[in-house]
Amino acid sequence: MSAIRYAFKRSATYFSRHGKFATCCHYQHQHQRRFTAMPLTQLSEEEQMIKDNAARFTKERVVPLVRQMEETREVPDDLLQEMADLGWFGFRIPVEYGGVGGNLFPFLLITEETSKACFPFTTIYGYQNTLTIPILTRYGSEEQKQKYLPKIAAGMYTSVCLSESESGSDAFALKTRAIRDGDDFILNGTKLWITHAHRAGIFLVMANAAPEKGYKGITCFIVDAGTPGLSIPRREEKLGMHLSSNCP
């Protein structure tokens, strides 16, 4: 199968799964080919196993602790370790970096099951798999991947620092600056509503290193927890979803 046909076949599968119905796609390239994708509700044996295991874990380990976790605003360390052992923290991390090497769809099956019991619980591992991990695997250097991805797979919290007081949905308006200082950069700015900042081991900080280029000057910097100049004043007091913390 040619590369373009293979890409089209994958696109057909994507649209059928997310459109929640079976579909047939036609592509004319010398000879007409027909691709039929399974509906979203028809899971493979592996996908069904992942879903069942997630449901069992949620019922036995998460449900009994929901009230306690919302009151203490923390996940017990032993439960975090179990999640790491199951591979949830590193579900989308390649195997060579200590992860499972899974794709998005089975990960969403896990998230669906845990959400039935406690939605903020899903952010504990979901945040890494939908934000931090894709950024690091796509844009990080080999050295950065070797250093950070195994730690995330083992259960390390992370934070992506984008929002500011005048830059929420308009991300290009951020004011945080990155000023070169020899081989280093000095970051100067304030971020708001940062998820998991109180426990994060690393922060992916968005800053503009070339303001004269407008939004094209924005880049991402990895800042380790404990770096001099990094301060986290307090956790935001919210009406609900206390387990998913935000720090101003």
Protein backbone atom coordinates (compact mmCIF):
# COMPACT_ATOMS: atom_id res chain seq x y z
CA MET A 1 0.00 0.00 0.00
CA SER A 2 1.42 3.40 -0.93
CA ALA A 3 2.13 5.95 1.80
CA ILE A 4 -0.74 8.18 0.71
CA ARG A 5 -3.22 5.30 0.74
CA TYR A 6 -2.01 4.20 4.16
CA ALA A 7 -2.45 7.74 5.50
CA PHE A 8 -5.94 7.85 4.02
CA LYS A 9 -6.85 4.55 5.60
CA ARG A 10 -5.75 5.85 8.98
CA SER A 11 -7.77 9.02 8.42
CA ALA A 12 -10.84 6.94 7.65
CA THR A 13 -10.40 5.05 10.91
CA TYR A 14 -9.96 8.31 12.82
CA PHE A 15 -13.09 9.92 11.46
CA SER A 16 -15.24 6.85 11.97
CA ARG A 17 -14.14 6.40 15.57
CA HIS A 18 -14.64 10.02 16.45
CA GLY A 19 -17.80 10.39 14.42
CA LYS A 20 -19.26 7.34 16.24
CA PHE A 21 -20.48 5.51 13.19
CA ALA A 22 -19.13 3.06 10.65
CA THR A 23 -18.08 4.65 7.42
CA CYS A 24 -16.77 3.66 4.04
CA CYS A 25 -14.25 5.85 2.29
CA HIS A 26 -13.41 5.82 -1.38
CA TYR A 27 -10.18 6.96 -2.87
CA GLN A 28 -9.49 7.04 -6.59
CA HIS A 29 -5.85 6.48 -7.49
CA GLN A 30 -5.51 4.37 -10.62
CA HIS A 31 -7.83 1.82 -9.04
CA GLN A 32 -10.69 2.56 -6.66
CA ARG A 33 -10.00 1.28 -3.15
CA ARG A 34 -12.56 0.92 -0.38
CA PHE A 35 -11.74 1.16 3.28
CA THR A 36 -14.21 0.24 6.02
CA ALA A 37 -13.51 1.35 9.59
CA MET A 38 -14.96 -0.14 12.75
CA PRO A 39 -17.44 1.94 14.76
CA LEU A 40 -16.29 3.49 18.02
CA THR A 41 -18.33 1.05 20.09
CA GLN A 42 -16.70 -2.01 18.51
CA LEU A 43 -13.48 -2.53 20.45
CA SER A 44 -10.63 -4.84 19.65
CA GLU A 45 -9.73 -7.58 22.14
CA GLU A 46 -6.82 -5.50 23.44
CA GLU A 47 -8.93 -2.35 23.75
CA GLN A 48 -11.66 -4.24 25.63
CA MET A 49 -9.06 -5.64 28.01
CA ILE A 50 -7.70 -2.15 28.71
CA LYS A 51 -11.21 -0.82 29.31
CA ASP A 52 -12.14 -3.71 31.65
CA ASN A 53 -8.92 -3.41 33.65
CA ALA A 54 -9.43 0.34 34.04
CA ALA A 55 -13.02 -0.21 35.20
CA ARG A 56 -11.91 -2.82 37.73
CA PHE A 57 -9.12 -0.62 39.09
CA THR A 58 -11.48 2.35 39.37
CA LYS A 59 -14.08 0.37 41.27
CA GLU A 60 -11.64 -1.30 43.64
CA ARG A 61 -9.06 1.43 44.24
CA VAL A 62 -10.42 4.83 43.21
CA VAL A 63 -14.09 4.85 44.26
CA PRO A 64 -13.39 4.10 47.96
CA LEU A 65 -10.97 7.05 48.13
CA VAL A 66 -12.86 9.75 46.21
CA ARG A 67 -14.15 11.65 49.25
CA GLN A 68 -10.81 11.40 51.04
CA MET A 69 -8.91 12.67 47.99
CA GLU A 70 -11.24 15.63 47.49
CA GLU A 71 -10.93 16.56 51.17
CA THR A 72 -7.15 16.20 51.38
CA ARG A 73 -6.67 17.42 47.79
CA GLU A 74 -4.04 14.76 47.26
CA VAL A 75 -3.75 11.26 45.81
CA PRO A 76 -2.24 8.78 48.29
CA ASP A 77 1.33 7.85 47.41
CA ASP A 78 0.55 4.15 47.21
CA LEU A 79 -2.22 4.81 44.67
CA LEU A 80 0.13 6.97 42.61
CA GLN A 81 2.62 4.13 42.59
CA GLU A 82 -0.03 1.67 41.44
CA MET A 83 -0.98 3.99 38.57
CA ALA A 84 2.68 4.26 37.57
CA ASP A 85 3.05 0.46 37.73
CA LEU A 86 0.02 0.11 35.44
CA GLY A 87 1.73 2.42 32.96
CA TRP A 88 -0.87 5.18 33.11
CA PHE A 89 1.58 8.03 33.66
CA GLY A 90 3.67 6.98 30.70
CA PHE A 91 0.97 5.47 28.53
CA ARG A 92 1.95 7.56 25.49
CA ILE A 93 5.68 7.56 26.18
CA PRO A 94 7.68 5.37 23.77
CA VAL A 95 8.87 2.07 25.21
CA GLU A 96 12.54 3.03 24.85
CA TYR A 97 11.99 5.80 27.41
CA GLY A 98 10.21 3.62 29.95
CA GLY A 99 6.64 4.11 28.74
CA VAL A 100 3.91 1.88 27.35
CA GLY A 101 4.07 3.22 23.81
CA GLY A 102 0.27 3.37 23.54
CA ASN A 103 -1.78 5.66 21.35
CA LEU A 104 -4.57 8.09 22.17
CA PHE A 105 -7.68 5.92 21.74
CA PRO A 106 -6.96 3.22 24.38
CA PHE A 107 -5.76 5.98 26.69
CA LEU A 108 -9.19 7.61 26.32
CA LEU A 109 -10.81 4.31 27.28
CA ILE A 110 -8.92 4.44 30.58
CA THR A 111 -9.90 8.07 31.08
CA GLU A 112 -13.56 7.31 30.38
CA GLU A 113 -13.65 4.69 33.12
CA THR A 114 -11.91 6.76 35.80
CA SER A 115 -14.04 9.81 34.93
CA LYS A 116 -17.15 7.87 35.91
CA ALA A 117 -15.90 7.88 39.49
CA CYS A 118 -13.92 11.11 39.80
CA PHE A 119 -13.18 13.39 36.89
CA PRO A 120 -10.38 15.44 38.56
CA PHE A 121 -8.61 12.13 39.24
CA THR A 122 -8.11 11.73 35.50
CA THR A 123 -6.02 14.92 35.37
CA ILE A 124 -3.38 13.32 37.59
CA TYR A 125 -2.20 11.08 34.76
CA GLY A 126 -4.13 12.58 31.85
CA TYR A 127 -2.33 15.93 32.00
CA GLN A 128 1.01 14.28 31.31
CA ASN A 129 -0.31 12.20 28.41
CA THR A 130 -2.19 14.98 26.61
CA LEU A 131 0.15 17.95 27.17
CA THR A 132 3.62 17.32 28.58
CA ILE A 133 4.47 14.06 26.86
CA PRO A 134 3.44 15.14 23.32
CA ILE A 135 5.50 18.32 23.68
CA LEU A 136 8.60 16.50 24.90
CA THR A 137 8.40 13.62 22.44
CA ARG A 138 7.85 15.92 19.47
CA TYR A 139 10.12 18.86 20.26
CA GLY A 140 12.53 17.71 22.96
CA SER A 141 16.14 16.82 22.27
CA GLU A 142 17.33 13.25 22.78
CA GLU A 143 19.08 14.33 25.96
CA GLN A 144 15.88 15.89 27.30
CA LYS A 145 13.83 12.81 26.44
CA GLN A 146 16.32 10.52 28.20
CA LYS A 147 16.34 12.75 31.27
CA TYR A 148 12.64 13.51 31.76
CA LEU A 149 10.42 10.91 30.10
CA PRO A 150 11.43 7.98 32.36
CA LYS A 151 10.71 10.18 35.40
CA ILE A 152 7.25 11.04 34.08
CA ALA A 153 6.54 7.37 33.39
CA ALA A 154 7.49 6.65 37.01
CA GLY A 155 4.86 9.10 38.27
CA MET A 156 6.42 12.57 38.27
CA TYR A 157 3.93 15.44 38.06
CA THR A 158 4.51 18.13 35.44
CA SER A 159 3.08 21.55 34.62
CA VAL A 160 2.67 23.45 31.36
CA CYS A 161 2.89 27.19 32.04
CA LEU A 162 1.07 29.17 29.36
CA SER A 163 -1.75 31.30 30.83
CA GLU A 164 -1.16 34.79 32.21
CA SER A 165 -3.37 37.55 33.60
CA GLU A 166 -3.73 39.10 30.14
CA SER A 167 -3.12 35.98 28.10
CA GLY A 168 -5.67 33.20 28.44
CA SER A 169 -7.43 32.18 25.25
CA ASP A 170 -5.22 34.70 23.40
CA ALA A 171 -1.99 32.79 24.05
CA PHE A 172 0.01 34.92 21.60
CA ALA A 173 -0.41 37.91 23.95
CA LEU A 174 1.78 36.42 26.70
CA LYS A 175 4.22 38.83 28.35
CA THR A 176 6.80 36.44 29.81
CA ARG A 177 10.19 37.13 28.27
CA ALA A 178 13.29 35.00 27.77
CA ILE A 179 16.52 36.99 27.69
CA ARG A 180 19.70 35.27 26.52
CA ASP A 181 22.56 35.31 29.02
CA GLY A 182 25.52 33.58 27.42
CA ASP A 183 24.54 29.93 26.95
CA ASP A 184 21.52 30.35 29.22
CA PHE A 185 18.22 32.21 29.22
CA ILE A 186 16.75 34.30 32.02
CA LEU A 187 12.97 33.99 32.19
CA ASN A 188 10.99 36.92 33.57
CA GLY A 189 7.22 36.80 33.97
CA THR A 190 4.22 35.54 35.94
CA LYS A 191 1.94 32.64 35.06
CA LEU A 192 -1.57 31.94 36.40
CA TRP A 193 -3.88 28.95 37.01
CA ILE A 194 -1.10 26.42 36.46
CA THR A 195 -2.28 22.84 36.93
CA HIS A 196 -0.32 20.66 39.40
CA ALA A 197 2.27 23.38 40.04
CA HIS A 198 2.48 22.52 43.74
CA ARG A 199 3.84 19.02 42.98
CA ALA A 200 5.42 19.38 39.56
CA GLY A 201 8.95 18.11 39.04
CA ILE A 202 9.36 20.14 35.86
CA PHE A 203 7.62 23.12 34.30
CA LEU A 204 7.28 23.70 30.56
CA VAL A 205 7.28 27.50 30.46
CA MET A 206 6.15 29.38 27.37
CA ALA A 207 8.10 32.61 26.90
CA ASN A 208 8.93 34.98 24.10
CA ALA A 209 12.64 35.01 23.26
CA ALA A 210 12.25 37.37 20.30
CA PRO A 211 9.43 39.90 20.91
CA GLU A 212 10.28 41.73 17.70
CA LYS A 213 9.05 38.64 15.83
CA GLY A 214 5.67 38.69 17.57
CA TYR A 215 4.16 35.29 18.32
CA LYS A 216 6.87 33.60 16.25
CA GLY A 217 9.31 34.42 19.03
CA ILE A 218 7.47 32.23 21.55
CA THR A 219 9.25 29.06 22.58
CA CYS A 220 9.13 26.50 25.39
CA PHE A 221 11.67 26.22 28.20
CA ILE A 222 12.06 23.30 30.60
CA VAL A 223 12.44 24.58 34.15
CA ASP A 224 13.22 22.12 36.93
CA ALA A 225 11.42 22.45 40.25
CA GLY A 226 13.63 24.25 42.76
CA THR A 227 15.29 26.45 40.14
CA PRO A 228 16.34 29.78 41.77
CA GLY A 229 13.75 32.48 41.08
CA LEU A 230 10.85 30.05 40.62
CA SER A 231 8.14 30.64 43.21
CA ILE A 232 4.69 29.11 43.72
CA PRO A 233 2.71 31.22 46.23
CA ARG A 234 -0.39 29.10 46.92
CA ARG A 235 -3.08 26.80 45.53
CA GLU A 236 -6.19 28.40 44.07
CA GLU A 237 -9.31 27.98 46.19
CA LYS A 238 -11.98 26.52 43.90
CA LEU A 239 -15.58 25.47 44.36
CA GLY A 240 -14.84 21.92 43.25
CA MET A 241 -12.34 19.64 41.53
CA HIS A 242 -9.94 20.14 44.42
CA LEU A 243 -7.89 17.11 43.45
CA SER A 244 -6.87 18.92 40.28
CA SER A 245 -4.93 21.84 41.72
CA ASN A 246 -4.28 25.20 40.10
CA CYS A 247 -1.72 27.63 41.41
CA PRO A 248 -1.81 31.38 40.68
